[in-house]
Protein backbone atom coordinates (compact mmCIF):
# COMPACT_ATOMS: atom_id res chain seq x y z
CA MET A 1 -18.50 33.09 -8.85
CA ARG A 2 -16.37 30.10 -9.52
CA ARG A 3 -16.34 26.96 -7.18
CA LYS A 4 -13.03 26.02 -5.68
CA SER A 5 -13.69 22.23 -7.30
CA GLU A 6 -13.27 23.91 -11.10
CA TYR A 7 -9.66 25.49 -10.23
CA TYR A 8 -7.87 22.38 -8.77
CA PRO A 9 -8.13 18.83 -9.77
CA PRO A 10 -9.89 16.13 -7.58
CA PHE A 11 -6.84 14.30 -5.74
CA LYS A 12 -6.04 11.14 -5.50
CA ASP A 13 -3.98 9.54 -3.90
CA GLU A 14 -1.80 7.10 -4.88
CA GLY A 15 -0.17 5.63 -2.48
CA GLU A 16 3.90 5.06 -1.53
CA VAL A 17 5.90 1.94 -2.70
CA MET A 18 7.53 1.47 0.92
CA ALA A 19 9.65 -1.49 -0.10
CA SER A 20 9.38 -4.57 -2.63
CA TRP A 21 9.90 -7.72 -3.45
CA GLY A 22 10.15 -9.05 -7.03
CA GLU A 23 6.89 -7.79 -8.26
CA ALA A 24 5.16 -7.20 -4.78
CA ARG A 25 5.10 -3.79 -3.78
CA LEU A 26 4.62 -2.34 -0.34
CA ILE A 27 2.06 0.22 -0.70
CA ASN A 28 1.45 2.90 2.12
CA TYR A 29 -1.64 5.23 1.61
CA LEU A 30 -2.28 9.28 3.36
CA ASP A 31 -4.73 7.65 5.83
CA GLY A 32 -2.01 5.17 7.22
CA LYS A 33 -3.37 1.51 5.22
CA LEU A 34 -0.50 -0.66 4.22
CA VAL A 35 -1.32 -2.53 1.61
CA LEU A 36 1.05 -5.55 -0.57
CA LYS A 37 0.41 -5.01 -4.14
CA GLY A 38 1.39 -8.09 -6.70
CA GLY A 39 3.88 -10.59 -6.94
CA SER A 40 3.88 -14.74 -6.76
CA LYS A 41 3.64 -16.32 -3.74
CA GLU A 42 6.67 -16.01 -3.08
CA ASP A 43 7.62 -12.50 -3.00
CA ARG A 44 4.76 -12.55 -0.94
CA ILE A 45 6.03 -14.89 1.84
CA ALA A 46 9.76 -12.73 1.04
CA ALA A 47 7.28 -9.50 2.40
CA ARG A 48 5.36 -10.97 4.96
CA GLU A 49 8.19 -12.31 6.71
CA TRP A 50 9.96 -8.47 6.41
CA ILE A 51 6.72 -7.09 7.48
CA SER A 52 6.75 -9.21 10.30
CA MET A 53 10.09 -8.55 11.24
CA PHE A 54 10.33 -4.42 11.27
CA LEU A 55 6.80 -3.71 10.84
CA ASN A 56 5.55 -5.90 13.66
CA ASP A 57 2.60 -3.66 15.06
CA ALA A 58 1.56 -3.23 11.58
CA VAL A 59 -1.90 -4.20 10.14
CA VAL A 60 -1.40 -5.35 6.22
CA GLY A 61 -3.93 -5.33 4.22
CA ASP A 62 -3.85 -7.78 0.66
CA SER A 63 -4.32 -6.33 -2.87
CA SER A 64 -7.74 -8.10 -3.05
CA GLY A 65 -8.95 -5.85 0.23
CA ARG A 66 -8.41 -8.92 2.99
CA ARG A 67 -6.18 -7.92 6.25
CA ASP A 68 -3.90 -10.35 7.96
């Protein structure tokens, strides 16, 4: 008898891009985490401004794992 894991490949949550500013990407994962990845300093500043206006209750982590 085969185990279930032999039939299904392991699932990897790569997230969904919600929005982008230049090279910066706001990624939403299935567990509810929001992460801001990539981009220049200006791109990240623009992203933080947008997040503060439209997702003001959200806790967004950055790509280094730090949460703001």
